[in-house]
Protein backbone atom coordinates (compact mmCIF):
# COMPACT_ATOMS: atom_id res chain seq x y z
CA UNK A 1 147.04 25.98 223.91
CA UNK A 2 148.93 26.11 227.20
CA UNK A 3 150.62 22.88 228.22
CA UNK A 4 148.42 21.22 230.87
CA UNK A 5 149.58 20.12 234.27
CA UNK A 6 152.41 17.62 233.67
CA UNK A 7 151.48 15.41 236.60
CA UNK A 8 147.97 15.00 235.23
CA UNK A 9 149.18 14.64 231.66
CA UNK A 10 151.77 11.98 232.52
CA UNK A 11 149.64 10.03 234.97
CA UNK A 12 149.54 6.33 233.98
CA UNK A 13 146.47 4.51 235.35
CA UNK A 14 146.54 0.76 235.84
CA UNK A 15 144.15 -0.08 233.00
CA UNK A 16 142.95 1.33 229.69
CA UNK A 17 139.44 1.65 231.11
CA UNK A 18 140.52 3.59 234.19
CA UNK A 19 142.88 5.71 232.09
CA UNK A 20 140.03 6.72 229.79
CA UNK A 21 137.79 7.39 232.78
CA UNK A 22 140.42 9.62 234.35
CA UNK A 23 140.96 11.53 231.11
CA UNK A 24 137.26 12.21 230.71
CA UNK A 25 136.75 13.07 234.37
CA UNK A 26 139.67 15.49 234.38
CA UNK A 27 138.52 17.06 231.11
CA UNK A 28 135.05 17.53 232.63
CA UNK A 29 136.61 19.00 235.77
CA UNK A 30 138.51 21.57 233.72
CA UNK A 31 135.41 22.28 231.65
CA UNK A 32 133.31 22.92 234.76
CA UNK A 33 136.05 25.22 236.06
CA UNK A 34 135.75 27.16 232.76
CA UNK A 35 139.36 26.24 231.94
CA UNK A 36 138.26 25.54 228.37
CA UNK A 37 141.72 25.76 226.86
CA UNK A 38 143.15 22.89 228.89
CA UNK A 39 139.86 21.00 228.88
CA UNK A 40 140.12 20.86 225.08
CA UNK A 41 143.55 19.21 225.40
CA UNK A 42 142.16 16.37 227.49
CA UNK A 43 139.00 15.93 225.39
CA UNK A 44 141.24 15.62 222.32
CA UNK A 45 143.46 13.07 224.13
CA UNK A 46 140.40 11.10 225.24
CA UNK A 47 139.00 10.98 221.71
CA UNK A 48 142.37 10.02 220.24
CA UNK A 49 142.66 7.03 222.56
CA UNK A 50 138.97 5.99 222.58
CA UNK A 51 138.50 2.39 221.42
CA UNK A 52 134.70 2.21 221.55
CA UNK A 53 131.91 4.58 220.52
CA UNK A 54 129.33 5.40 223.16
CA UNK A 55 127.44 8.35 224.64
CA UNK A 56 130.57 9.43 226.50
CA UNK A 57 132.41 9.73 223.18
CA UNK A 58 129.72 11.96 221.75
CA UNK A 59 129.75 14.00 224.97
CA UNK A 60 133.49 14.55 224.49
CA UNK A 61 133.00 15.73 220.90
CA UNK A 62 130.21 18.06 222.01
CA UNK A 63 132.20 19.54 224.88
CA UNK A 64 135.30 19.89 222.73
CA UNK A 65 133.16 21.91 220.35
CA UNK A 66 131.94 24.01 223.31
CA UNK A 67 135.54 24.69 224.34
CA UNK A 68 136.41 26.07 220.93
CA UNK A 69 133.27 28.23 220.95
CA UNK A 70 134.32 29.63 224.32
CA UNK A 71 137.74 30.38 222.80
CA UNK A 72 136.04 32.28 219.98
CA UNK A 73 137.00 29.80 217.24
CA UNK A 74 133.68 28.76 215.71
CA UNK A 75 135.36 27.04 212.75
CA UNK A 76 137.31 24.69 215.06
CA UNK A 77 134.12 24.09 217.02
CA UNK A 78 132.38 23.00 213.84
CA UNK A 79 135.30 20.74 212.87
CA UNK A 80 135.21 19.02 216.27
CA UNK A 81 131.48 18.43 215.94
CA UNK A 82 131.74 17.11 212.39
CA UNK A 83 134.50 14.68 213.41
CA UNK A 84 131.94 12.83 215.51
CA UNK A 85 130.21 11.68 212.31
CA UNK A 86 133.01 9.17 211.75
CA UNK A 87 131.71 7.38 214.83
CA UNK A 88 128.34 6.53 213.33
CA UNK A 89 124.86 8.06 213.11
CA UNK A 90 124.93 11.83 213.78
CA UNK A 91 124.00 12.58 217.37
CA UNK A 92 121.08 14.93 218.19
CA UNK A 93 123.21 16.96 220.62
CA UNK A 94 125.99 17.30 218.04
CA UNK A 95 123.50 18.41 215.37
CA UNK A 96 122.13 20.99 217.79
CA UNK A 97 125.62 22.32 218.57
CA UNK A 98 126.44 22.57 214.86
CA UNK A 99 123.23 24.54 214.39
CA UNK A 100 124.15 26.98 217.16
CA UNK A 101 127.63 27.44 215.66
CA UNK A 102 126.22 28.32 212.25
CA UNK A 103 123.72 30.63 213.94
CA UNK A 104 126.61 32.39 215.66
CA UNK A 105 128.33 32.78 212.27
CA UNK A 106 125.17 34.41 210.93
CA UNK A 107 124.52 31.54 208.49
CA UNK A 108 120.86 31.13 209.38
CA UNK A 109 119.89 28.73 206.58
CA UNK A 110 122.65 26.29 207.55
CA UNK A 111 121.61 26.63 211.20
CA UNK A 112 118.06 25.68 210.18
CA UNK A 113 119.34 22.55 208.40
CA UNK A 114 121.19 21.29 211.47
CA UNK A 115 118.51 22.18 214.03
CA UNK A 116 116.07 20.29 211.85
CA UNK A 117 118.51 17.34 211.68
CA UNK A 118 118.56 17.20 215.48
CA UNK A 119 114.84 16.36 215.45
CA UNK A 120 114.96 13.65 212.76
CA UNK A 121 113.51 10.33 213.87
CA UNK A 122 116.31 8.26 212.30
CA UNK A 123 118.91 10.24 214.25
CA UNK A 124 116.94 10.30 217.50
CA UNK A 125 116.31 6.54 217.40
CA UNK A 126 120.00 5.86 216.73
CA UNK A 127 121.00 6.98 220.24
CA UNK A 128 120.01 6.40 223.85
CA UNK A 129 120.66 7.96 227.23
CA UNK A 130 121.05 11.58 226.21
CA UNK A 131 119.23 14.78 227.13
CA UNK A 132 116.12 14.55 224.93
CA UNK A 133 115.61 18.32 225.05
CA UNK A 134 118.33 18.59 222.37
CA UNK A 135 116.10 16.58 220.03
CA UNK A 136 112.75 18.22 220.71
CA UNK A 137 111.93 21.58 222.28
CA UNK A 138 115.42 23.18 222.11
CA UNK A 139 115.96 22.78 218.33
CA UNK A 140 112.35 23.78 217.68
CA UNK A 141 112.87 26.88 219.82
CA UNK A 142 115.96 27.76 217.77
CA UNK A 143 114.16 27.02 214.51
CA UNK A 144 111.49 29.46 215.63
CA UNK A 145 114.16 32.13 216.12
CA UNK A 146 115.87 31.34 212.79
CA UNK A 147 112.71 31.58 210.71
CA UNK A 148 111.72 34.79 212.49
CA UNK A 149 115.13 36.25 211.60
CA UNK A 150 114.36 35.41 207.96
CA UNK A 151 110.92 37.04 208.23
CA UNK A 152 109.15 33.69 207.68
CA UNK A 153 106.66 34.24 210.48
CA UNK A 154 104.36 31.30 209.75
CA UNK A 155 107.23 28.80 209.86
CA UNK A 156 108.54 30.46 213.01
CA UNK A 157 105.13 30.11 214.64
CA UNK A 158 104.92 26.45 213.55
CA UNK A 159 108.15 25.59 215.36
CA UNK A 160 107.10 27.67 218.36
CA UNK A 161 104.00 25.46 218.68
CA UNK A 162 106.13 22.30 218.43
CA UNK A 163 108.44 23.57 221.18
CA UNK A 164 105.41 24.56 223.23
CA UNK A 165 104.06 21.01 223.01
CA UNK A 166 107.14 19.68 224.84
CA UNK A 167 107.68 22.46 227.38
CA UNK A 168 104.69 24.84 227.54
CA UNK A 169 105.74 26.50 230.81
CA UNK A 170 109.33 27.32 229.88
CA UNK A 171 109.87 31.12 230.22
CA UNK A 172 111.24 31.43 226.69
CA UNK A 173 108.25 29.66 225.19
CA UNK A 174 105.81 31.68 227.29
CA UNK A 175 107.57 34.84 226.12
CA UNK A 176 107.40 33.72 222.48
CA UNK A 177 103.69 33.00 222.81
CA UNK A 178 103.13 36.59 223.93
CA UNK A 179 105.36 37.79 221.10
CA UNK A 180 103.36 35.96 218.44
CA UNK A 181 100.07 37.11 219.93
CA UNK A 182 101.26 40.70 219.58
CA UNK A 183 103.30 40.43 216.39
CA UNK A 184 102.35 42.86 213.64
CA UNK A 185 102.33 39.80 211.40
CA UNK A 186 99.68 38.30 213.63
CA UNK A 187 99.52 34.56 212.94
CA UNK A 188 96.45 33.06 214.59
CA UNK A 189 96.53 29.39 215.68
CA UNK A 190 93.46 28.67 213.58
CA UNK A 191 94.71 30.40 210.45
CA UNK A 192 97.94 30.59 208.45
CA UNK A 193 97.05 33.88 206.79
CA UNK A 194 98.48 37.23 207.73
CA UNK A 195 96.56 40.43 208.25
CA UNK A 196 96.00 43.06 205.63
CA UNK A 197 98.83 45.44 204.79
CA UNK A 198 97.74 48.23 207.16
CA UNK A 199 98.28 45.81 210.05
CA UNK A 200 101.36 44.16 208.55
CA UNK A 201 103.16 47.46 208.97
CA UNK A 202 102.38 47.35 212.68
CA UNK A 203 100.56 50.64 213.11
CA UNK A 204 98.99 50.70 216.58
CA UNK A 205 98.21 54.39 216.97
CA UNK A 206 95.03 55.63 215.22
CA UNK A 207 96.38 59.12 214.53
CA UNK A 208 99.59 57.62 213.16
CA UNK A 209 97.59 55.49 210.71
CA UNK A 210 95.72 58.54 209.47
CA UNK A 211 98.70 60.80 208.87
CA UNK A 212 101.11 58.15 207.56
CA UNK A 213 98.87 55.93 205.44
CA UNK A 214 99.40 57.95 202.26
CA UNK A 215 103.19 57.89 202.72
CA UNK A 216 103.23 54.14 203.26
CA UNK A 217 101.21 53.60 200.10
CA UNK A 218 103.44 55.90 198.02
CA UNK A 219 106.07 53.52 196.68
CA UNK A 220 109.39 54.05 194.91
CA UNK A 221 109.24 50.83 192.91
CA UNK A 222 111.89 52.05 190.47
CA UNK A 223 114.44 52.30 193.30
CA UNK A 224 116.42 49.20 194.33
CA UNK A 225 117.07 48.63 198.05
CA UNK A 226 120.81 47.94 198.37
CA UNK A 227 120.83 47.47 202.13
CA UNK A 228 122.07 51.01 202.83
CA UNK A 229 119.10 53.39 202.31
CA UNK A 230 115.66 51.98 203.04
CA UNK A 231 112.97 52.78 200.51
CA UNK A 232 109.24 52.14 200.60
CA UNK A 233 108.31 49.85 197.74
CA UNK A 234 106.67 46.52 197.10
CA UNK A 235 109.92 44.51 197.21
CA UNK A 236 110.97 45.96 200.58
CA UNK A 237 107.51 45.39 202.07
CA UNK A 238 107.58 41.75 200.99
CA UNK A 239 111.23 40.87 201.71
CA UNK A 240 112.49 43.38 204.29
CA UNK A 241 109.37 44.24 206.27
CA UNK A 242 111.33 44.05 209.53
CA UNK A 243 113.88 46.66 208.37
CA UNK A 244 111.14 48.97 207.11
CA UNK A 245 109.17 48.66 210.33
CA UNK A 246 112.27 49.47 212.40
CA UNK A 247 112.81 52.69 210.42
CA UNK A 248 109.15 53.69 210.48
CA UNK A 249 108.92 53.30 214.24
CA UNK A 250 111.89 55.64 214.74
CA UNK A 251 110.24 58.36 212.68
CA UNK A 252 106.96 57.79 214.54
CA UNK A 253 108.83 58.62 217.73
CA UNK A 254 110.28 61.77 216.16
CA UNK A 255 106.80 62.85 215.03
CA UNK A 256 105.92 63.52 218.68
CA UNK A 257 108.54 66.30 218.92
CA UNK A 258 108.19 68.28 215.69
CA UNK A 259 104.86 70.13 215.70
CA UNK A 260 105.44 73.77 214.68
CA UNK A 261 109.23 73.14 214.73
CA UNK A 262 111.98 73.69 212.19
CA UNK A 263 113.54 70.25 211.67
CA UNK A 264 116.73 68.88 210.13
CA UNK A 265 116.48 65.29 208.89
CA UNK A 266 120.16 64.32 208.63
CA UNK A 267 120.95 61.60 206.07
CA UNK A 268 117.32 61.61 204.93
CA UNK A 269 117.88 58.89 202.32
CA UNK A 270 114.76 58.13 200.29
CA UNK A 271 112.88 61.03 201.89
CA UNK A 272 109.85 59.27 203.40
CA UNK A 273 111.03 60.18 206.92
CA UNK A 274 111.19 63.89 206.10
CA UNK A 275 107.66 63.60 204.73
CA UNK A 276 106.51 61.88 207.92
CA UNK A 277 107.92 64.78 209.96
CA UNK A 278 106.16 67.31 207.75
CA UNK A 279 102.76 65.62 207.99
CA UNK A 280 103.20 65.48 211.78
CA UNK A 281 103.13 69.28 211.85
CA UNK A 282 106.71 70.49 211.40
CA UNK A 283 106.77 74.07 210.15
CA UNK A 284 109.67 73.23 207.83
CA UNK A 285 111.86 70.17 207.21
CA UNK A 286 115.29 70.17 205.62
CA UNK A 287 116.38 66.71 204.49
CA UNK A 288 120.09 66.40 203.69
CA UNK A 289 121.97 63.45 202.20
CA UNK A 290 125.19 62.79 200.26
CA UNK A 291 123.46 60.71 197.56
CA UNK A 292 122.15 62.92 194.77
CA UNK A 293 120.06 60.15 193.22
CA UNK A 294 118.19 59.59 196.49
CA UNK A 295 117.59 63.33 196.82
CA UNK A 296 116.19 63.53 193.30
CA UNK A 297 113.81 60.65 194.03
CA UNK A 298 112.82 62.21 197.34
CA UNK A 299 111.91 65.51 195.67
CA UNK A 300 109.86 63.66 193.04
CA UNK A 301 108.07 61.34 195.45
CA UNK A 302 107.74 63.27 198.71
CA UNK A 303 108.12 66.91 197.63
CA UNK A 304 106.18 69.59 199.52
CA UNK A 305 106.34 73.36 200.05
CA UNK A 306 107.40 72.76 203.65
CA UNK A 307 110.21 70.31 202.74
CA UNK A 308 113.56 71.01 201.10
CA UNK A 309 115.95 68.24 200.09
CA UNK A 310 119.61 69.26 199.73
CA UNK A 311 123.06 67.74 199.36
CA UNK A 312 125.07 67.75 202.58
CA UNK A 313 127.79 65.96 204.55
CA UNK A 314 126.58 65.92 208.15
CA UNK A 315 130.05 66.69 209.50
CA UNK A 316 130.44 69.71 207.20
CA UNK A 317 127.02 71.32 206.91
CA UNK A 318 127.14 74.92 205.74
CA UNK A 319 124.19 75.95 207.88
CA UNK A 320 123.86 78.72 210.43
CA UNK A 321 124.27 78.16 214.17
CA UNK A 322 121.08 77.74 216.20
CA UNK A 323 118.92 77.32 213.08
CA UNK A 324 116.82 74.23 214.04
CA UNK A 325 114.49 73.23 216.84
CA UNK A 326 114.91 69.51 216.22
CA UNK A 327 117.64 67.44 214.55
CA UNK A 328 116.80 63.85 213.59
CA UNK A 329 119.67 61.44 212.87
CA UNK A 330 118.58 57.85 212.35
CA UNK A 331 121.19 55.19 211.44
CA UNK A 332 123.66 57.89 210.41
CA UNK A 333 126.39 58.16 213.02
CA UNK A 334 127.87 54.73 212.32
CA UNK A 335 128.39 55.60 208.62
CA UNK A 336 130.67 58.61 209.08
CA UNK A 337 134.32 58.94 210.03
CA UNK A 338 133.88 60.51 213.48
CA UNK A 339 130.64 60.36 215.42
CA UNK A 340 131.83 62.81 218.04
CA UNK A 341 132.23 65.48 215.34
CA UNK A 342 128.65 64.94 214.17
CA UNK A 343 127.30 65.11 217.72
CA UNK A 344 129.09 68.42 218.27
CA UNK A 345 127.92 69.69 214.87
CA UNK A 346 124.30 68.78 215.62
CA UNK A 347 124.48 70.75 218.86
CA UNK A 348 125.85 73.77 216.95
CA UNK A 349 122.86 73.69 214.64
CA UNK A 350 120.28 73.49 217.43
CA UNK A 351 118.69 76.36 219.28
CA UNK A 352 118.86 76.50 223.07
CA UNK A 353 117.00 73.49 224.51
CA UNK A 354 116.80 72.00 221.00
CA UNK A 355 116.04 68.30 220.61
CA UNK A 356 118.41 65.75 219.07
CA UNK A 357 116.97 62.29 218.25
CA UNK A 358 119.55 59.70 217.26
CA UNK A 359 119.59 55.95 216.60
CA UNK A 360 122.39 53.49 215.93
CA UNK A 361 123.12 49.74 216.18
CA UNK A 362 124.22 48.41 219.56
CA UNK A 363 127.66 46.85 218.94
CA UNK A 364 127.21 44.48 221.90
CA UNK A 365 124.55 42.67 219.85
CA UNK A 366 125.36 43.63 216.25
CA UNK A 367 129.08 42.76 216.54
CA UNK A 368 129.72 41.03 219.86
CA UNK A 369 133.39 40.85 220.93
CA UNK A 370 134.36 43.47 218.32
CA UNK A 371 136.19 46.59 219.46
CA UNK A 372 135.16 50.14 218.59
CA UNK A 373 138.00 50.61 216.08
CA UNK A 374 137.36 47.32 214.25
CA UNK A 375 135.38 47.15 211.01
CA UNK A 376 131.80 45.98 211.66
CA UNK A 377 130.32 43.13 209.64
CA UNK A 378 128.08 45.64 207.84
CA UNK A 379 130.50 47.03 205.24
CA UNK A 380 128.53 50.30 205.06
CA UNK A 381 129.46 51.07 208.69
CA UNK A 382 132.71 52.69 209.82
CA UNK A 383 132.28 51.67 213.49
CA UNK A 384 129.50 50.94 215.97
CA UNK A 385 128.86 52.09 219.54
CA UNK A 386 127.83 50.12 222.60
CA UNK A 387 125.03 51.78 224.56
CA UNK A 388 127.40 53.09 227.22
CA UNK A 389 129.80 54.47 224.60
CA UNK A 390 126.99 56.30 222.81
CA UNK A 391 125.56 57.72 226.03
CA UNK A 392 129.02 58.86 227.12
CA UNK A 393 129.56 60.62 223.77
CA UNK A 394 126.15 62.31 223.84
CA UNK A 395 126.55 63.59 227.38
CA UNK A 396 129.33 65.91 226.23
CA UNK A 397 126.76 68.06 224.43
CA UNK A 398 123.32 66.91 225.59
CA UNK A 399 121.09 65.99 228.49
CA UNK A 400 119.42 62.65 227.81
CA UNK A 401 115.64 62.76 228.10
CA UNK A 402 114.59 59.32 226.85
CA UNK A 403 116.45 56.08 226.07
CA UNK A 404 114.84 53.36 223.99
CA UNK A 405 115.77 49.94 222.67
CA UNK A 406 114.49 48.28 219.51
CA UNK A 407 114.54 44.72 218.14
CA UNK A 408 115.41 42.88 221.33
CA UNK A 409 117.58 39.79 221.65
CA UNK A 410 117.48 37.48 224.65
CA UNK A 411 120.79 37.13 226.48
CA UNK A 412 120.53 33.35 226.46
CA UNK A 413 120.57 33.21 222.64
CA UNK A 414 124.33 33.79 222.68
CA UNK A 415 125.96 30.37 222.64
CA UNK A 416 128.75 31.50 224.99
CA UNK A 417 126.08 32.37 227.55
CA UNK A 418 124.59 28.89 227.22
CA UNK A 419 128.01 27.30 227.79
CA UNK A 420 128.64 29.37 230.92
CA UNK A 421 125.16 28.75 232.34
CA UNK A 422 125.52 25.02 231.70
CA UNK A 423 128.87 25.05 233.50
CA UNK A 424 127.21 26.73 236.49
CA UNK A 425 124.34 24.20 236.44
CA UNK A 426 121.89 26.98 235.57
CA UNK A 427 119.11 26.52 232.99
CA UNK A 428 120.71 27.61 229.72
CA UNK A 429 117.65 29.29 228.19
CA UNK A 430 115.90 30.81 231.18
CA UNK A 431 114.87 34.45 231.21
CA UNK A 432 113.59 34.86 234.77
CA UNK A 433 112.63 38.53 234.52
CA UNK A 434 109.05 39.15 233.39
CA UNK A 435 109.54 41.72 230.63
CA UNK A 436 106.71 43.68 229.03
CA UNK A 437 105.34 42.33 225.77
CA UNK A 438 107.08 44.04 222.87
CA UNK A 439 104.97 44.44 219.75
CA UNK A 440 107.14 43.66 216.76
CA UNK A 441 109.81 46.31 216.31
CA UNK A 442 108.33 49.00 218.54
CA UNK A 443 110.60 51.13 220.70
CA UNK A 444 110.75 50.13 224.35
CA UNK A 445 111.89 52.30 227.25
CA UNK A 446 115.09 50.62 228.43
CA UNK A 447 114.11 51.25 232.03
CA UNK A 448 111.36 48.65 231.60
CA UNK A 449 113.39 45.69 230.34
CA UNK A 450 115.85 43.30 231.96
CA UNK A 451 117.76 40.23 230.73
CA UNK A 452 117.30 41.22 227.08
CA UNK A 453 119.31 43.62 224.96
CA UNK A 454 118.36 45.79 221.97
CA UNK A 455 119.93 45.48 218.55
CA UNK A 456 119.33 49.21 218.13
CA UNK A 457 119.34 52.08 220.62
CA UNK A 458 117.36 55.30 220.14
CA UNK A 459 118.07 58.38 222.27
CA UNK A 460 116.13 61.61 222.70
CA UNK A 461 118.40 64.43 223.92
CA UNK A 462 118.14 68.11 224.81
CA UNK A 463 120.96 70.53 224.06
CA UNK A 464 122.81 71.56 227.18
CA UNK A 465 122.86 75.21 228.15
CA UNK A 466 126.11 76.82 229.22
CA UNK A 467 126.12 77.13 232.99
CA UNK A 468 126.78 80.60 234.46
CA UNK A 469 130.31 81.01 235.71
CA UNK A 470 131.11 82.92 238.90
CA UNK A 471 133.58 85.75 238.37
């Protein structure tokens, strides 16, 4: 920490009461100026010298925790919040802040525990004169998000209804109501049951149901999902339905481009995607992957005269130039050593005006504050792109035709954003832009959304033609 202003630090008020008031006021001034580093110094000094426990003390602990979050040190933020417990009954605001810190760390179950604690009657009744939203609709809103992240849709809906009871007109709660009404796991207010499996998988297009239903009911139950290559089986449908739906929707998009085309499915994995491309009318599909076991299972489960499955490293494919009409590359580019090499290689393989369809995680959401060269949290990934980085890389070889997002996250869910909006006296969880309703994990044209960001980006490109050169 930088040493704060010496005049302020050495100022000696006439009384202990006025000294404490000055410390807190100056800490709040620094906090509101977003000078979190020095604000933390004065909050710590205030708490060290505090003789009584009151709401102001808890406010200091909470804001000290905020300062550490703003500095990117979630562990210190948690320590500051936990220190408040020595003062007496845990405070609802402190419990809420602990929950948001654990959520930021990706520890969703611990976040659930602390958001739930914030609503407990014994805790709520132990304090007065605080913002009651931290004990009712805000923790229930976050509990809704947490349970949805875990795929526990009924519990998520339950907490949505509790939040709705307190603040039915809040934009976030209105948005969530639309989300649940449209969710492929459609939970009706009068029933806790989910729809039958055909609807659980979120199929909205009649033709898509017809051509894909057999694939979705053909399961590889002897294959274990490790988190790297998605397979269709009973365990994945029950425990990782969100991941499966994300992958299926990407191939549904690709199905629109492959009729009567020769297609390369790069890093085909379990093989169901190659089969989906074949049933959509592709004249021939070549699925390549570096995992021989997956290829063997793909041949056994999804084999067809119009599909070949072969070993291949996407950056070193021994295939002829201009040999495909369409190249599909879903969740591949982040796994290899150099994405730019694969993009150039895909263009080599495509005919003039050939189509390249690619998806990858958006680092801005998947690994916020991480740099391109730093190891992502997913240990299977070598690096991850932001949307602008991916677009910039693609434009070297392709014209971009369509740009989609998938699995959207509201900007306000980032705790840093809440701190900044609070400091600017702006509602911390407001999403003022009226976005279209997004059904589950469907792809959404990025030109239609504002104030929310996708966890995944999907791009449809066309190979650039060499421009004529004047001689």
